[in-house]
Amino acid sequence: MIKHFMQKCPVNYALVRPAICIDPLVMAGYPEKAQEKMKKCMSNTPALVDYFLQDRYWDELNNENPLGMQGEIAKSFGELIKNMWCGRYSYTVPRNFKMIVGRFAPQFSGYQQQDCQELMAFLLDGLHEDLNRVKKKPYIEQQDADGRPDELVAKEAWENYLKRNNSVIVDIFHGLLKSTLVCPECTKVSITFDPFCYLSLPLPIKKERQIEILLISADPLTRPLKMKVTVPKLGNVQDLCEAVYKSVHIPASNLIVTDVYNHRLHKIFSKDELLSNIMERDEIFVYEIPANLEENGPACMLPVYLKHKK
């Protein structure tokens, strides 16, 4: 679909440097807002840029679409793209574009921080409706797969979608997402292909954390060692001991993990206790015990916290 828009490119992207789109508050030192990030993304989509630079949007404006913005969003965005890619300006201030966006979506009218994805969704939908080539949308009844091959079902779904939605935004950004539902009672399988313009993906969650400890050696002549170890977020104290072993090569079985609070031993952790019980502000002392502690019979290891007066 994109090949149609890439056949005759009016801009040599290797030679023309686009103007930077600057907002007055960004120049004043405010963080980059959603509109700036969105405009950078949209203005660097070659197929979309070519479409507006070649003025093809004037022939496809749908001013009568009740779901659109009377063509105002498309015309303002086209003017912004031309200013950015004409090669005459090093920067441009999109006041008119921001004013029109704020008129149709008041939530974006101010200078507060906004969600970039919400603004992108609004702009893509607004451009699509302003440039929708379908003037009268027919009623389409959705058909079930009924065991037909996915290729036929997907082709039928896409053709039906184009009967109501057909624009440059659809050509470039829209697609179909396969959805499979299985009834838990009758085990009937329902397969549909639903249109989408963007996919929301969760941000990756860190699976590890760092814990700062003070390692007390069994050798009284060795100075305590402050260090940070990387452990699994959902791990246990045994994982912390193994992380210490990787750093200083003291066997995990010879380590005792304690919590010191107010200059006193507040708690001694068992090896199977979860690391989620250790807070960021906790003072964690890890004591090394001698490997041959119980060779001469039962023994008790008593960790002692020494406070030195200066």
Protein backbone atom coordinates (compact mmCIF):
# COMPACT_ATOMS: atom_id res chain seq x y z
CA MET A 1 0.00 0.00 0.00
CA ILE A 2 2.84 2.38 0.81
CA LYS A 3 4.54 1.81 -2.55
CA HIS A 4 1.87 3.98 -4.22
CA PHE A 5 3.06 6.99 -2.23
CA MET A 6 6.75 6.32 -2.68
CA GLN A 7 6.86 6.19 -6.48
CA LYS A 8 7.39 9.92 -7.00
CA CYS A 9 9.10 11.52 -4.08
CA PRO A 10 9.22 15.35 -4.27
CA VAL A 11 11.79 15.58 -1.49
CA ASN A 12 15.34 14.29 -1.43
CA TYR A 13 15.42 13.35 2.24
CA ALA A 14 19.19 13.07 2.18
CA LEU A 15 19.58 16.73 1.12
CA VAL A 16 16.65 18.57 2.73
CA ARG A 17 16.80 19.02 6.46
CA PRO A 18 13.34 19.59 7.98
CA ALA A 19 12.68 22.60 10.14
CA ILE A 20 12.54 21.93 13.85
CA CYS A 21 9.04 22.34 15.24
CA ILE A 22 9.46 24.52 18.34
CA ASP A 23 6.93 25.41 21.02
CA PRO A 24 7.46 28.65 22.99
CA LEU A 25 7.35 26.83 26.34
CA VAL A 26 9.93 24.31 25.16
CA MET A 27 12.21 27.23 24.29
CA ALA A 28 11.62 28.59 27.80
CA GLY A 29 12.96 25.42 29.36
CA TYR A 30 9.83 23.31 29.84
CA PRO A 31 10.02 19.56 29.11
CA GLU A 32 9.18 18.46 25.59
CA LYS A 33 5.43 17.97 25.41
CA ALA A 34 3.23 15.46 23.66
CA GLN A 35 2.64 17.71 20.63
CA GLU A 36 6.37 18.04 19.95
CA LYS A 37 6.96 14.28 20.12
CA MET A 38 3.91 13.57 17.97
CA LYS A 39 4.89 16.10 15.29
CA LYS A 40 8.41 14.69 15.07
CA CYS A 41 6.97 11.22 14.55
CA MET A 42 4.31 12.19 11.99
CA SER A 43 6.56 14.56 10.02
CA ASN A 44 9.13 11.80 9.51
CA THR A 45 6.74 9.33 7.89
CA PRO A 46 7.80 9.62 4.20
CA ALA A 47 4.55 8.35 2.65
CA LEU A 48 2.49 10.82 4.68
CA VAL A 49 4.88 13.72 4.06
CA ASP A 50 4.83 13.12 0.29
CA TYR A 51 1.03 13.02 0.29
CA PHE A 52 0.78 16.51 1.82
CA LEU A 53 3.72 18.03 -0.06
CA GLN A 54 2.13 17.01 -3.38
CA ASP A 55 -1.15 18.71 -2.34
CA ARG A 56 -3.11 15.53 -2.92
CA TYR A 57 -5.10 16.12 0.24
CA TRP A 58 -7.00 19.04 -1.35
CA ASP A 59 -8.76 16.64 -3.72
CA GLU A 60 -9.76 14.30 -0.90
CA LEU A 61 -11.00 16.74 1.75
CA ASN A 62 -14.29 15.57 3.22
CA ASN A 63 -15.86 18.73 4.59
CA GLU A 64 -19.28 17.11 5.08
CA ASN A 65 -18.19 14.22 7.28
CA PRO A 66 -20.01 14.59 10.63
CA LEU A 67 -17.23 12.62 12.31
CA GLY A 68 -14.52 14.92 10.95
CA MET A 69 -13.36 18.47 11.65
CA GLN A 70 -14.62 20.06 8.40
CA GLY A 71 -11.17 19.54 6.89
CA GLU A 72 -9.53 21.97 9.33
CA ILE A 73 -7.16 19.42 10.88
CA ALA A 74 -6.00 18.17 7.48
CA LYS A 75 -5.44 21.68 6.08
CA SER A 76 -3.57 22.85 9.18
CA PHE A 77 -1.41 19.73 9.28
CA GLY A 78 -0.63 20.08 5.57
CA GLU A 79 0.48 23.69 6.09
CA LEU A 80 2.72 22.59 8.98
CA ILE A 81 4.32 19.83 6.92
CA LYS A 82 5.05 22.26 4.07
CA ASN A 83 6.70 24.74 6.46
CA MET A 84 8.84 22.00 7.96
CA TRP A 85 9.98 20.50 4.64
CA CYS A 86 10.23 23.52 2.35
CA GLY A 87 13.92 23.91 3.20
CA ARG A 88 13.65 27.67 3.81
CA TYR A 89 13.33 27.63 7.62
CA SER A 90 15.57 26.27 10.35
CA TYR A 91 12.60 26.17 12.72
CA THR A 92 8.87 26.78 12.75
CA VAL A 93 6.38 27.60 15.51
CA PRO A 94 3.10 25.67 14.95
CA ARG A 95 0.74 28.18 16.61
CA ASN A 96 -2.07 27.73 14.09
CA PHE A 97 -1.91 23.95 14.26
CA LYS A 98 -2.00 24.00 18.06
CA MET A 99 -4.94 26.43 18.07
CA ILE A 100 -7.00 24.23 15.71
CA VAL A 101 -6.20 21.06 17.67
CA GLY A 102 -7.26 22.81 20.87
CA ARG A 103 -10.50 24.00 19.25
CA PHE A 104 -11.63 20.47 18.42
CA ALA A 105 -10.00 18.81 21.46
CA PRO A 106 -10.04 21.25 24.41
CA GLN A 107 -7.97 18.87 26.53
CA PHE A 108 -4.98 19.80 24.35
CA SER A 109 -5.61 23.55 24.31
CA GLY A 110 -3.39 24.49 27.25
CA TYR A 111 0.30 24.05 27.93
CA GLN A 112 0.07 21.22 30.42
CA GLN A 113 1.86 17.92 29.90
CA GLN A 114 -0.31 15.57 27.84
CA ASP A 115 -0.16 11.90 26.94
CA CYS A 116 1.56 11.57 23.56
CA GLN A 117 -0.36 8.44 22.60
CA GLU A 118 -3.73 10.13 23.21
CA LEU A 119 -2.76 13.09 21.01
CA MET A 120 -1.45 10.78 18.30
CA ALA A 121 -4.71 8.80 18.35
CA PHE A 122 -6.74 12.02 18.08
CA LEU A 123 -4.68 13.34 15.16
CA LEU A 124 -4.73 10.07 13.21
CA ASP A 125 -8.48 9.77 13.67
CA GLY A 126 -9.02 13.43 12.77
CA LEU A 127 -6.91 13.22 9.63
CA HIS A 128 -8.66 10.00 8.62
CA GLU A 129 -12.15 11.47 8.93
CA ASP A 130 -11.15 14.75 7.25
CA LEU A 131 -9.68 12.81 4.32
CA ASN A 132 -12.13 9.91 4.17
CA ARG A 133 -12.88 9.19 0.53
CA VAL A 134 -16.20 7.56 1.46
CA LYS A 135 -18.92 10.22 1.49
CA LYS A 136 -21.81 7.93 2.46
CA LYS A 137 -21.01 4.98 4.65
CA PRO A 138 -23.11 1.89 3.87
CA TYR A 139 -24.32 -0.53 6.52
CA ILE A 140 -22.13 -3.63 6.61
CA GLU A 141 -23.14 -6.77 8.50
CA GLN A 142 -20.17 -8.59 9.94
CA GLN A 143 -19.84 -12.22 8.87
CA ASP A 144 -18.45 -15.04 10.97
CA ALA A 145 -15.60 -17.21 9.72
CA ASP A 146 -17.67 -20.44 9.70
CA GLY A 147 -14.58 -22.56 9.17
CA ARG A 148 -13.35 -20.64 6.13
CA PRO A 149 -9.60 -20.08 5.61
CA ASP A 150 -8.13 -17.06 7.40
CA GLU A 151 -7.02 -15.53 4.08
CA LEU A 152 -10.60 -15.36 2.78
CA VAL A 153 -12.03 -14.08 6.07
CA ALA A 154 -9.34 -11.41 6.36
CA LYS A 155 -9.80 -10.29 2.75
CA GLU A 156 -13.57 -10.01 3.23
CA ALA A 157 -13.14 -8.06 6.48
CA TRP A 158 -10.69 -5.63 4.85
CA GLU A 159 -12.93 -5.06 1.82
CA ASN A 160 -15.91 -4.38 4.09
CA TYR A 161 -13.82 -1.99 6.16
CA LEU A 162 -12.74 -0.04 3.08
CA LYS A 163 -16.39 0.47 2.10
CA ARG A 164 -16.74 2.73 5.16
CA ASN A 165 -13.17 3.87 5.80
CA ASN A 166 -10.85 4.75 2.95
CA SER A 167 -8.20 7.43 3.39
CA VAL A 168 -4.46 7.98 3.22
CA ILE A 169 -4.34 7.20 6.95
CA VAL A 170 -5.95 3.83 6.29
CA ASP A 171 -3.51 3.20 3.43
CA ILE A 172 -0.48 3.81 5.62
CA PHE A 173 -1.38 3.06 9.22
CA HIS A 174 -4.41 0.74 9.43
CA GLY A 175 -4.39 -3.05 9.49
CA LEU A 176 -6.27 -6.08 10.76
CA LEU A 177 -5.84 -7.88 14.05
CA LYS A 178 -6.93 -11.50 14.30
CA SER A 179 -9.10 -12.31 17.31
CA THR A 180 -9.99 -15.87 18.34
CA LEU A 181 -12.67 -16.65 20.91
CA VAL A 182 -13.48 -20.14 22.20
CA CYS A 183 -16.75 -20.79 24.03
CA PRO A 184 -16.00 -22.65 27.30
CA GLU A 185 -19.33 -24.52 27.15
CA CYS A 186 -19.85 -25.56 23.53
CA THR A 187 -16.17 -25.11 22.44
CA LYS A 188 -17.30 -23.15 19.38
CA VAL A 189 -14.46 -21.13 17.87
CA SER A 190 -15.19 -17.61 16.59
CA ILE A 191 -12.51 -15.94 14.47
CA THR A 192 -12.75 -12.27 13.49
CA PHE A 193 -10.37 -9.75 11.95
CA ASP A 194 -10.74 -6.34 13.57
CA PRO A 195 -9.21 -3.13 12.17
CA PHE A 196 -6.61 -1.26 14.18
CA CYS A 197 -4.53 1.86 13.74
CA TYR A 198 -2.08 1.45 16.61
CA LEU A 199 -1.27 -1.09 19.29
CA SER A 200 -0.74 -0.18 22.94
CA LEU A 201 2.08 -2.22 24.44
CA PRO A 202 3.03 -2.36 28.14
CA LEU A 203 6.35 -0.91 29.19
CA PRO A 204 8.93 -3.50 30.22
CA ILE A 205 9.13 -4.03 33.96
CA LYS A 206 12.48 -4.42 35.63
CA LYS A 207 12.87 -7.93 36.97
CA GLU A 208 15.87 -7.12 39.13
CA ARG A 209 16.75 -4.70 41.90
CA GLN A 210 19.85 -3.61 43.75
CA ILE A 211 20.29 -3.99 47.50
CA GLU A 212 23.06 -2.22 49.40
CA ILE A 213 24.68 -4.36 52.09
CA LEU A 214 27.56 -4.22 54.56
CA LEU A 215 29.56 -7.45 54.51
CA ILE A 216 31.19 -8.43 57.82
CA SER A 217 33.98 -10.95 57.29
CA ALA A 218 34.69 -13.82 59.68
CA ASP A 219 38.26 -12.52 59.81
CA PRO A 220 38.31 -9.83 62.54
CA LEU A 221 41.21 -8.10 60.79
CA THR A 222 39.21 -7.56 57.59
CA ARG A 223 37.40 -4.25 57.34
CA PRO A 224 33.63 -4.34 56.65
CA LEU A 225 32.85 -4.01 52.95
CA LYS A 226 29.96 -1.89 51.68
CA MET A 227 28.67 -3.12 48.33
CA LYS A 228 25.59 -3.35 46.10
CA VAL A 229 24.34 -6.66 44.78
CA THR A 230 21.82 -7.28 41.99
CA VAL A 231 19.07 -9.72 42.92
CA PRO A 232 15.72 -10.85 41.42
CA LYS A 233 12.80 -8.69 42.50
CA LEU A 234 10.77 -11.79 43.35
CA GLY A 235 13.72 -13.70 44.80
CA ASN A 236 14.53 -14.74 48.37
CA VAL A 237 17.41 -14.26 50.80
CA GLN A 238 19.20 -17.27 49.33
CA ASP A 239 19.42 -15.35 46.03
CA LEU A 240 21.02 -12.44 47.88
CA CYS A 241 23.61 -14.77 49.44
CA GLU A 242 24.41 -16.25 46.03
CA ALA A 243 24.83 -12.74 44.60
CA VAL A 244 27.33 -11.97 47.37
CA TYR A 245 29.16 -15.22 46.57
CA LYS A 246 29.56 -14.15 42.93
CA SER A 247 31.21 -10.91 44.06
CA VAL A 248 33.48 -12.00 46.93
CA HIS A 249 33.48 -15.82 46.58
CA ILE A 250 32.19 -16.53 50.07
CA PRO A 251 29.91 -19.62 49.96
CA ALA A 252 26.24 -18.72 50.33
CA SER A 253 25.88 -21.32 53.08
CA ASN A 254 28.38 -19.34 55.21
CA LEU A 255 26.39 -16.10 55.11
CA ILE A 256 23.77 -14.76 57.51
CA VAL A 257 21.63 -11.79 56.44
CA THR A 258 20.42 -9.38 59.13
CA ASP A 259 18.56 -6.09 59.39
CA VAL A 260 20.05 -3.40 61.63
CA TYR A 261 17.72 -0.72 62.96
CA ASN A 262 18.56 2.06 65.39
CA HIS A 263 22.03 0.55 65.98
CA ARG A 264 20.56 -2.79 67.01
CA LEU A 265 20.07 -6.15 65.30
CA HIS A 266 16.43 -5.90 64.42
CA LYS A 267 15.99 -9.15 62.49
CA ILE A 268 17.85 -12.21 61.19
CA PHE A 269 16.44 -13.37 57.86
CA SER A 270 15.90 -17.00 56.99
CA LYS A 271 17.22 -18.16 53.63
CA ASP A 272 13.73 -18.74 52.19
CA GLU A 273 12.36 -15.33 53.19
CA LEU A 274 11.29 -13.08 50.30
CA LEU A 275 13.43 -10.11 49.33
CA SER A 276 10.27 -8.02 49.09
CA ASN A 277 10.48 -7.79 52.89
CA ILE A 278 13.69 -5.78 52.54
CA MET A 279 12.95 -2.11 51.97
CA GLU A 280 15.22 0.41 50.25
CA ARG A 281 15.87 2.25 53.52
CA ASP A 282 16.81 -0.90 55.49
CA GLU A 283 20.39 -1.34 56.69
CA ILE A 284 21.32 -4.87 55.67
CA PHE A 285 24.34 -6.47 57.34
CA VAL A 286 25.61 -9.78 55.94
CA TYR A 287 27.82 -11.79 58.31
CA GLU A 288 30.24 -14.49 57.26
CA ILE A 289 30.35 -17.45 59.63
CA PRO A 290 33.25 -19.92 59.74
CA ALA A 291 32.79 -23.03 57.61
CA ASN A 292 33.94 -25.33 60.46
CA LEU A 293 31.75 -23.77 63.10
CA GLU A 294 30.09 -27.00 64.25
CA GLU A 295 32.98 -29.43 63.86
CA ASN A 296 33.59 -29.54 67.63
CA GLY A 297 29.93 -29.90 68.55
CA PRO A 298 26.84 -27.68 68.61
CA ALA A 299 27.67 -24.00 68.41
CA CYS A 300 25.83 -20.70 68.39
CA MET A 301 26.86 -17.77 66.22
CA LEU A 302 25.95 -14.42 67.75
CA PRO A 303 26.25 -11.48 65.38
CA VAL A 304 27.30 -8.28 67.18
CA TYR A 305 26.94 -4.74 65.92
CA LEU A 306 29.72 -2.51 67.27
CA LYS A 307 29.21 1.22 67.57
CA HIS A 308 32.44 3.17 67.84
CA LYS A 309 32.56 6.54 69.54
CA LYS A 310 34.66 9.18 67.84
